PDB file of N, CA and C in Angstrom:
ATOM      1  N   MET A   1       0.834  -1.437   0.084  1.00  0.00           N
ATOM      2  CA  MET A   1      -0.183  -0.169   0.148  1.00  0.00           C
ATOM      3  C   MET A   1       0.716   1.340   0.121  1.00  0.00           C
ATOM      4  N   ARG A   2       0.442   2.338  -0.925  1.00  0.00           N
ATOM      5  CA  ARG A   2       1.230   3.655  -0.674  1.00  0.00           C
ATOM      6  C   ARG A   2       0.193   4.705  -0.608  1.00  0.00           C
ATOM      7  N   GLN A   3       0.752   5.547   0.169  1.00  0.00           N
ATOM      8  CA  GLN A   3      -0.142   6.828   0.693  1.00  0.00           C
ATOM      9  C   GLN A   3       0.706   8.022  -0.266  1.00  0.00           C
ATOM     10  N   LEU A   4      -0.125   8.789  -0.723  1.00  0.00           N
ATOM     11  CA  LEU A   4       0.328   9.739  -1.670  1.00  0.00           C
ATOM     12  C   LEU A   4      -0.229  10.726  -1.100  1.00  0.00           C
ATOM     13  N   ASN A   5       0.895  11.855  -1.102  1.00  0.00           N
ATOM     14  CA  ASN A   5      -0.045  13.440  -0.717  1.00  0.00           C
ATOM     15  C   ASN A   5       0.119  14.242  -1.758  1.00  0.00           C
ATOM     16  N   TYR A   6      -0.577  15.355  -1.570  1.00  0.00           N
ATOM     17  CA  TYR A   6      -0.855  16.293  -2.773  1.00  0.00           C
ATOM     18  C   TYR A   6       0.549  16.465  -3.689  1.00  0.00           C
ATOM     19  N   LEU A   7       0.829  16.292  -4.810  1.00  0.00           N
ATOM     20  CA  LEU A   7       1.211  16.445  -5.887  1.00  0.00           C
ATOM     21  C   LEU A   7       2.717  15.640  -6.090  1.00  0.00           C
ATOM     22  N   GLU A   8       2.340  14.405  -5.021  1.00  0.00           N
ATOM     23  CA  GLU A   8       3.279  13.208  -5.091  1.00  0.00           C
ATOM     24  C   GLU A   8       2.982  12.206  -6.149  1.00  0.00           C
ATOM     25  N   ALA A   9       4.035  11.693  -6.558  1.00  0.00           N
ATOM     26  CA  ALA A   9       4.082  10.489  -7.636  1.00  0.00           C
ATOM     27  C   ALA A   9       4.624   9.338  -7.170  1.00  0.00           C
ATOM     28  N   TRP A  10       4.030   8.156  -8.038  1.00  0.00           N
ATOM     29  CA  TRP A  10       4.684   6.764  -7.811  1.00  0.00           C
ATOM     30  C   TRP A  10       4.426   6.321  -9.219  1.00  0.00           C
ATOM     31  N   ASP A  11       5.353   5.337  -9.614  1.00  0.00           N
ATOM     32  CA  ASP A  11       5.419   4.524 -10.606  1.00  0.00           C
ATOM     33  C   ASP A  11       6.125   3.419 -10.357  1.00  0.00           C
ATOM     34  N   TRP A  12       5.733   2.235 -11.391  1.00  0.00           N
ATOM     35  CA  TRP A  12       6.366   0.878 -11.784  1.00  0.00           C
ATOM     36  C   TRP A  12       6.325   0.245 -12.863  1.00  0.00           C
ATOM     37  N   LYS A  13       7.367  -0.442 -13.139  1.00  0.00           N
ATOM     38  CA  LYS A  13       7.494  -0.772 -14.432  1.00  0.00           C
ATOM     39  C   LYS A  13       6.587  -2.173 -14.613  1.00  0.00           C
ATOM     40  N   PHE A  14       6.281  -2.936 -15.483  1.00  0.00           N
ATOM     41  CA  PHE A  14       5.620  -4.344 -15.708  1.00  0.00           C
ATOM     42  C   PHE A  14       5.750  -4.326 -17.041  1.00  0.00           C
ATOM     43  N   GLN A  15       5.281  -5.651 -17.299  1.00  0.00           N
ATOM     44  CA  GLN A  15       5.297  -6.235 -18.816  1.00  0.00           C
ATOM     45  C   GLN A  15       3.872  -6.939 -18.767  1.00  0.00           C
ATOM     46  N   THR A  16       2.996  -7.101 -19.925  1.00  0.00           N
ATOM     47  CA  THR A  16       1.797  -7.888 -19.883  1.00  0.00           C
ATOM     48  C   THR A  16       2.015  -8.827 -20.021  1.00  0.00           C
ATOM     49  N   ASN A  17       1.289  -9.957 -19.547  1.00  0.00           N
ATOM     50  CA  ASN A  17       1.543 -11.486 -19.627  1.00  0.00           C
ATOM     51  C   ASN A  17       1.053 -11.664 -21.260  1.00  0.00           C
ATOM     52  N   TYR A  18       1.753 -12.952 -21.447  1.00  0.00           N
ATOM     53  CA  TYR A  18       1.440 -13.318 -23.050  1.00  0.00           C
ATOM     54  C   TYR A  18       0.182 -13.565 -23.397  1.00  0.00           C
ATOM     55  N   PHE A  19      -0.911 -13.795 -22.532  1.00  0.00           N
ATOM     56  CA  PHE A  19      -2.337 -13.528 -22.992  1.00  0.00           C
ATOM     57  C   PHE A  19      -2.985 -12.259 -22.960  1.00  0.00           C
ATOM     58  N   ASP A  20      -2.288 -11.180 -22.761  1.00  0.00           N
ATOM     59  CA  ASP A  20      -3.040  -9.950 -22.736  1.00  0.00           C
ATOM     60  C   ASP A  20      -4.102  -9.790 -21.637  1.00  0.00           C
ATOM     61  N   THR A  21      -3.923 -10.410 -20.347  1.00  0.00           N
ATOM     62  CA  THR A  21      -4.843 -10.447 -19.304  1.00  0.00           C
ATOM     63  C   THR A  21      -4.303  -9.700 -18.266  1.00  0.00           C
ATOM     64  N   THR A  22      -3.561  -8.796 -18.365  1.00  0.00           N
ATOM     65  CA  THR A  22      -2.830  -8.153 -17.106  1.00  0.00           C
ATOM     66  C   THR A  22      -3.811  -7.227 -16.638  1.00  0.00           C
ATOM     67  N   HIS A  23      -4.197  -7.192 -15.611  1.00  0.00           N
ATOM     68  CA  HIS A  23      -5.069  -6.221 -14.637  1.00  0.00           C
ATOM     69  C   HIS A  23      -4.389  -5.633 -13.730  1.00  0.00           C
ATOM     70  N   PHE A  24      -4.395  -4.249 -13.208  1.00  0.00           N
ATOM     71  CA  PHE A  24      -4.243  -3.631 -11.858  1.00  0.00           C
ATOM     72  C   PHE A  24      -5.074  -3.162 -11.430  1.00  0.00           C
ATOM     73  N   PHE A  25      -5.446  -3.023 -10.274  1.00  0.00           N
ATOM     74  CA  PHE A  25      -6.415  -2.100  -9.423  1.00  0.00           C
ATOM     75  C   PHE A  25      -5.875  -1.142  -8.794  1.00  0.00           C
ATOM     76  N   CYS A  26      -6.595  -0.163  -8.373  1.00  0.00           N
ATOM     77  CA  CYS A  26      -6.028   0.831  -7.446  1.00  0.00           C
ATOM     78  C   CYS A  26      -7.333   1.224  -6.487  1.00  0.00           C
ATOM     79  N   ASP A  27      -7.252   1.200  -5.068  1.00  0.00           N
ATOM     80  CA  ASP A  27      -8.397   1.667  -4.272  1.00  0.00           C
ATOM     81  C   ASP A  27      -7.810   3.086  -3.621  1.00  0.00           C
ATOM     82  N   MET A  28      -8.618   3.996  -3.913  1.00  0.00           N
ATOM     83  CA  MET A  28      -8.298   5.206  -3.429  1.00  0.00           C
ATOM     84  C   MET A  28      -9.122   5.911  -2.335  1.00  0.00           C
ATOM     85  N   TRP A  29      -8.732   6.508  -1.501  1.00  0.00           N
ATOM     86  CA  TRP A  29      -9.334   7.662  -0.573  1.00  0.00           C
ATOM     87  C   TRP A  29      -8.786   8.894  -0.288  1.00  0.00           C
ATOM     88  N   TRP A  30      -9.848   9.812  -0.444  1.00  0.00           N
ATOM     89  CA  TRP A  30      -9.370  11.228  -0.476  1.00  0.00           C
ATOM     90  C   TRP A  30     -10.572  11.992   0.458  1.00  0.00           C
ATOM     91  N   ALA A  31      -9.993  13.058   0.982  1.00  0.00           N
ATOM     92  CA  ALA A  31     -11.164  14.161   1.823  1.00  0.00           C
ATOM     93  C   ALA A  31     -11.184  15.334   0.960  1.00  0.00           C
ATOM     94  N   GLU A  32     -12.354  15.932   0.944  1.00  0.00           N
ATOM     95  CA  GLU A  32     -12.717  17.251   0.474  1.00  0.00           C
ATOM     96  C   GLU A  32     -12.992  18.047   1.520  1.00  0.00           C
ATOM     97  N   THR A  33     -12.183  18.381   2.380  1.00  0.00           N
ATOM     98  CA  THR A  33     -11.949  19.316   3.657  1.00  0.00           C
ATOM     99  C   THR A  33     -13.114  20.548   3.324  1.00  0.00           C
ATOM    100  N   ASP A  34     -12.919  21.037   1.965  1.00  0.00           N
ATOM    101  CA  ASP A  34     -13.920  22.198   1.854  1.00  0.00           C
ATOM    102  C   ASP A  34     -15.465  21.841   2.261  1.00  0.00           C
ATOM    103  N   ARG A  35     -15.788  20.775   1.671  1.00  0.00           N
ATOM    104  CA  ARG A  35     -17.262  20.341   1.761  1.00  0.00           C
ATOM    105  C   ARG A  35     -17.571  19.130   3.122  1.00  0.00           C
ATOM    106  N   GLY A  36     -16.196  19.045   3.710  1.00  0.00           N
ATOM    107  CA  GLY A  36     -16.690  18.186   4.767  1.00  0.00           C
ATOM    108  C   GLY A  36     -17.025  16.468   4.570  1.00  0.00           C
ATOM    109  N   ARG A  37     -16.243  16.318   3.514  1.00  0.00           N
ATOM    110  CA  ARG A  37     -16.912  14.623   3.140  1.00  0.00           C
ATOM    111  C   ARG A  37     -15.695  14.135   2.539  1.00  0.00           C
ATOM    112  N   HIS A  38     -15.682  12.485   2.877  1.00  0.00           N
ATOM    113  CA  HIS A  38     -14.555  11.828   2.402  1.00  0.00           C
ATOM    114  C   HIS A  38     -14.826  11.141   1.213  1.00  0.00           C
ATOM    115  N   ASN A  39     -14.216  10.655   0.541  1.00  0.00           N
ATOM    116  CA  ASN A  39     -14.700   9.707  -0.656  1.00  0.00           C
ATOM    117  C   ASN A  39     -13.915   8.594  -0.841  1.00  0.00           C
ATOM    118  N   ASN A  40     -14.135   7.719  -1.598  1.00  0.00           N
ATOM    119  CA  ASN A  40     -13.434   6.485  -2.056  1.00  0.00           C
ATOM    120  C   ASN A  40     -13.758   5.793  -3.547  1.00  0.00           C
ATOM    121  N   GLY A  41     -12.645   4.863  -3.972  1.00  0.00           N
ATOM    122  CA  GLY A  41     -13.132   4.530  -5.254  1.00  0.00           C
ATOM    123  C   GLY A  41     -12.218   3.537  -5.345  1.00  0.00           C
ATOM    124  N   SER A  42     -12.724   2.173  -6.116  1.00  0.00           N
ATOM    125  CA  SER A  42     -11.757   1.400  -6.450  1.00  0.00           C
ATOM    126  C   SER A  42     -11.884   1.575  -8.300  1.00  0.00           C
ATOM    127  N   LEU A  43     -10.590   1.567  -8.543  1.00  0.00           N
ATOM    128  CA  LEU A  43     -10.475   1.405  -9.896  1.00  0.00           C
ATOM    129  C   LEU A  43      -9.767   0.424 -10.687  1.00  0.00           C
ATOM    130  N   GLU A  44     -10.275  -0.303 -11.915  1.00  0.00           N
ATOM    131  CA  GLU A  44      -9.317  -0.961 -12.638  1.00  0.00           C
ATOM    132  C   GLU A  44      -8.499  -0.171 -13.308  1.00  0.00           C
ATOM    133  N   LEU A  45      -7.450   0.172 -12.751  1.00  0.00           N
ATOM    134  CA  LEU A  45      -6.701   1.221 -13.245  1.00  0.00           C
ATOM    135  C   LEU A  45      -5.747   0.770 -15.059  1.00  0.00           C
ATOM    136  N   TYR A  46      -5.414  -0.437 -14.808  1.00  0.00           N
ATOM    137  CA  TYR A  46      -4.756  -1.030 -16.359  1.00  0.00           C
ATOM    138  C   TYR A  46      -5.292  -1.925 -16.448  1.00  0.00           C
ATOM    139  N   VAL A  47      -5.762  -2.026 -17.639  1.00  0.00           N
ATOM    140  CA  VAL A  47      -6.437  -3.470 -18.058  1.00  0.00           C
ATOM    141  C   VAL A  47      -5.604  -3.926 -19.637  1.00  0.00           C
ATOM    142  N   ALA A  48      -4.745  -4.534 -20.119  1.00  0.00           N
ATOM    143  CA  ALA A  48      -4.026  -4.849 -21.064  1.00  0.00           C
ATOM    144  C   ALA A  48      -4.513  -4.651 -22.324  1.00  0.00           C
ATOM    145  N   LYS A  49      -5.986  -5.302 -22.642  1.00  0.00           N
ATOM    146  CA  LYS A  49      -6.395  -5.240 -23.742  1.00  0.00           C
ATOM    147  C   LYS A  49      -6.867  -3.457 -24.215  1.00  0.00           C
ATOM    148  N   ARG A  50      -7.335  -3.181 -23.247  1.00  0.00           N
ATOM    149  CA  ARG A  50      -7.803  -1.760 -23.183  1.00  0.00           C
ATOM    150  C   ARG A  50      -6.662  -0.302 -23.239  1.00  0.00           C
ATOM    151  N   ASP A  51      -5.545  -1.096 -22.551  1.00  0.00           N
ATOM    152  CA  ASP A  51      -4.785   0.539 -22.192  1.00  0.00           C
ATOM    153  C   ASP A  51      -3.407   0.145 -22.874  1.00  0.00           C
ATOM    154  N   GLU A  52      -2.841  -0.884 -23.653  1.00  0.00           N
ATOM    155  CA  GLU A  52      -1.380  -1.169 -24.185  1.00  0.00           C
ATOM    156  C   GLU A  52      -1.247  -0.304 -25.054  1.00  0.00           C
ATOM    157  N   VAL A  53      -2.232  -0.047 -26.136  1.00  0.00           N
ATOM    158  CA  VAL A  53      -2.042   0.855 -27.333  1.00  0.00           C
ATOM    159  C   VAL A  53      -2.069   2.235 -26.699  1.00  0.00           C
ATOM    160  N   ILE A  54      -2.428   2.417 -25.815  1.00  0.00           N
ATOM    161  CA  ILE A  54      -2.942   4.121 -25.469  1.00  0.00           C
ATOM    162  C   ILE A  54      -1.393   4.392 -24.741  1.00  0.00           C
ATOM    163  N   CYS A  55      -0.935   3.657 -23.671  1.00  0.00           N
ATOM    164  CA  CYS A  55       0.301   3.919 -22.952  1.00  0.00           C
ATOM    165  C   CYS A  55       1.354   3.055 -23.402  1.00  0.00           C
ATOM    166  N   TYR A  56       1.192   1.952 -23.772  1.00  0.00           N
ATOM    167  CA  TYR A  56       1.955   0.954 -24.039  1.00  0.00           C
ATOM    168  C   TYR A  56       2.695   0.461 -22.555  1.00  0.00           C
ATOM    169  N   HIS A  57       3.997   0.447 -22.325  1.00  0.00           N
ATOM    170  CA  HIS A  57       4.171   0.264 -20.948  1.00  0.00           C
ATOM    171  C   HIS A  57       4.834   1.273 -20.193  1.00  0.00           C
ATOM    172  N   HIS A  58       4.448   1.991 -20.359  1.00  0.00           N
ATOM    173  CA  HIS A  58       4.779   3.354 -19.485  1.00  0.00           C
ATOM    174  C   HIS A  58       3.450   4.396 -19.627  1.00  0.00           C
ATOM    175  N   CYS A  59       2.625   3.809 -18.357  1.00  0.00           N
ATOM    176  CA  CYS A  59       1.408   4.479 -18.424  1.00  0.00           C
ATOM    177  C   CYS A  59       1.434   5.847 -17.255  1.00  0.00           C
ATOM    178  N   ARG A  60       0.885   6.795 -17.599  1.00  0.00           N
ATOM    179  CA  ARG A  60       1.031   7.883 -16.825  1.00  0.00           C
ATOM    180  C   ARG A  60      -0.115   8.185 -16.317  1.00  0.00           C
ATOM    181  N   TYR A  61      -0.494   8.235 -15.068  1.00  0.00           N
ATOM    182  CA  TYR A  61      -1.968   8.752 -14.419  1.00  0.00           C
ATOM    183  C   TYR A  61      -2.104   9.848 -13.649  1.00  0.00           C
ATOM    184  N   TYR A  62      -3.096  10.655 -13.900  1.00  0.00           N
ATOM    185  CA  TYR A  62      -3.185  12.032 -13.014  1.00  0.00           C
ATOM    186  C   TYR A  62      -4.516  11.775 -12.422  1.00  0.00           C
ATOM    187  N   ALA A  63      -4.401  12.160 -11.180  1.00  0.00           N
ATOM    188  CA  ALA A  63      -5.707  12.477 -10.151  1.00  0.00           C
ATOM    189  C   ALA A  63      -5.568  13.935 -10.380  1.00  0.00           C
ATOM    190  N   LYS A  64      -7.099  14.365 -10.807  1.00  0.00           N
ATOM    191  CA  LYS A  64      -7.345  15.707 -10.963  1.00  0.00           C
ATOM    192  C   LYS A  64      -8.933  16.026  -9.916  1.00  0.00           C
ATOM    193  N   VAL A  65      -9.350  17.202 -10.000  1.00  0.00           N
ATOM    194  CA  VAL A  65     -10.287  17.428  -9.222  1.00  0.00           C
ATOM    195  C   VAL A  65     -11.677  16.751 -10.031  1.00  0.00           C
ATOM    196  N   ASP A  66     -11.804  16.594 -11.007  1.00  0.00           N
ATOM    197  CA  ASP A  66     -12.821  15.941 -11.731  1.00  0.00           C
ATOM    198  C   ASP A  66     -12.641  14.203 -11.919  1.00  0.00           C
ATOM    199  N   GLY A  67     -11.428  13.937 -11.591  1.00  0.00           N
ATOM    200  CA  GLY A  67     -11.087  12.460 -11.832  1.00  0.00           C
ATOM    201  C   GLY A  67     -10.082  11.909 -12.157  1.00  0.00           C
ATOM    202  N   VAL A  68      -9.965  10.970 -12.733  1.00  0.00           N
ATOM    203  CA  VAL A  68      -8.562  10.154 -12.771  1.00  0.00           C
ATOM    204  C   VAL A  68      -8.209  10.152 -14.514  1.00  0.00           C
ATOM    205  N   TYR A  69      -7.021  10.857 -14.760  1.00  0.00           N
ATOM    206  CA  TYR A  69      -6.831  10.742 -16.457  1.00  0.00           C
ATOM    207  C   TYR A  69      -5.613   9.806 -16.990  1.00  0.00           C
ATOM    208  N   LEU A  70      -5.564   9.432 -18.006  1.00  0.00           N
ATOM    209  CA  LEU A  70      -4.151   8.496 -18.463  1.00  0.00           C
ATOM    210  C   LEU A  70      -3.885   9.382 -19.665  1.00  0.00           C
ATOM    211  N   TYR A  71      -2.582   9.534 -19.555  1.00  0.00           N
ATOM    212  CA  TYR A  71      -1.899  10.163 -20.717  1.00  0.00           C
ATOM    213  C   TYR A  71      -2.026   9.402 -22.164  1.00  0.00           C
ATOM    214  N   ASN A  72      -2.455   9.634 -23.101  1.00  0.00           N
ATOM    215  CA  ASN A  72      -2.584   8.832 -24.233  1.00  0.00           C
ATOM    216  C   ASN A  72      -1.313   9.434 -25.193  1.00  0.00           C
ATOM    217  N   ILE A  73      -0.410   8.247 -25.334  1.00  0.00           N
ATOM    218  CA  ILE A  73       0.921   8.639 -25.751  1.00  0.00           C
ATOM    219  C   ILE A  73       0.410   8.392 -27.440  1.00  0.00           C
ATOM    220  N   VAL A  74      -0.707   8.116 -28.069  1.00  0.00           N
ATOM    221  CA  VAL A  74      -0.764   8.303 -29.558  1.00  0.00           C
ATOM    222  C   VAL A  74      -1.322   9.807 -29.805  1.00  0.00           C
ATOM    223  N   LYS A  75      -2.171   9.756 -28.898  1.00  0.00           N
ATOM    224  CA  LYS A  75      -2.807  11.227 -29.474  1.00  0.00           C
ATOM    225  C   LYS A  75      -2.303  12.415 -28.802  1.00  0.00           C
ATOM    226  N   LYS A  76      -1.517  11.920 -27.826  1.00  0.00           N
ATOM    227  CA  LYS A  76      -0.569  13.201 -26.958  1.00  0.00           C
ATOM    228  C   LYS A  76      -1.423  13.950 -26.134  1.00  0.00           C
ATOM    229  N   ARG A  77      -2.389  13.463 -25.650  1.00  0.00           N
ATOM    230  CA  ARG A  77      -3.307  14.405 -24.527  1.00  0.00           C
ATOM    231  C   ARG A  77      -3.989  13.405 -23.563  1.00  0.00           C
ATOM    232  N   LEU A  78      -4.108  14.039 -22.467  1.00  0.00           N
ATOM    233  CA  LEU A  78      -5.103  13.302 -21.027  1.00  0.00           C
ATOM    234  C   LEU A  78      -6.358  13.114 -21.497  1.00  0.00           C
ATOM    235  N   ASP A  79      -6.542  11.991 -21.245  1.00  0.00           N
ATOM    236  CA  ASP A  79      -8.102  11.066 -21.219  1.00  0.00           C
ATOM    237  C   ASP A  79      -8.461  10.604 -19.995  1.00  0.00           C
ATOM    238  N   LEU A  80      -9.662  11.001 -20.024  1.00  0.00           N
ATOM    239  CA  LEU A  80     -10.507  11.123 -18.655  1.00  0.00           C
ATOM    240  C   LEU A  80     -10.731   9.640 -18.318  1.00  0.00           C
ATOM    241  N   MET A  81     -10.312   8.590 -17.644  1.00  0.00           N
ATOM    242  CA  MET A  81     -10.716   7.441 -17.381  1.00  0.00           C
ATOM    243  C   MET A  81     -11.965   7.281 -16.074  1.00  0.00           C
ATOM    244  N   TYR A  82     -11.462   7.921 -15.317  1.00  0.00           N
ATOM    245  CA  TYR A  82     -12.813   7.923 -14.348  1.00  0.00           C
ATOM    246  C   TYR A  82     -13.175   8.843 -13.816  1.00  0.00           C
ATOM    247  N   SER A  83     -14.456   9.004 -13.243  1.00  0.00           N
ATOM    248  CA  SER A  83     -14.834  10.343 -12.834  1.00  0.00           C
ATOM    249  C   SER A  83     -15.212  10.131 -11.254  1.00  0.00           C
ATOM    250  N   TRP A  84     -14.777  11.003 -10.590  1.00  0.00           N
ATOM    251  CA  TRP A  84     -15.173  10.879  -9.088  1.00  0.00           C
ATOM    252  C   TRP A  84     -16.591  10.561  -8.828  1.00  0.00           C
ATOM    253  N   PRO A  85     -17.157  10.053  -7.707  1.00  0.00           N
ATOM    254  CA  PRO A  85     -18.566  10.070  -7.627  1.00  0.00           C
ATOM    255  C   PRO A  85     -18.890  11.462  -7.224  1.00  0.00           C
ATOM    256  N   LYS A  86     -19.745  11.727  -7.361  1.00  0.00           N
ATOM    257  CA  LYS A  86     -20.351  13.128  -6.951  1.00  0.00           C
ATOM    258  C   LYS A  86     -21.485  12.784  -5.606  1.00  0.00           C
TER     259      LYS A  86
END
């Protein structure tokens, strides 16, 4: 388990398996102190058949105010992958 503070990053290297069934999940908890509430979410962060073309083996995710973005190396832009619950 990793705890990241505001503006911190964490990365790891991996290879997809032969059958392209590699999956990574991520559980997140965060506080919206200005709204007085806590949120959590479980994300299917990496799915080989979905994401290998988008980010190959160097996937960069960004948590922003409205959700989690993945940098698309083909289109050279951030794509919204998950929206935070309202």
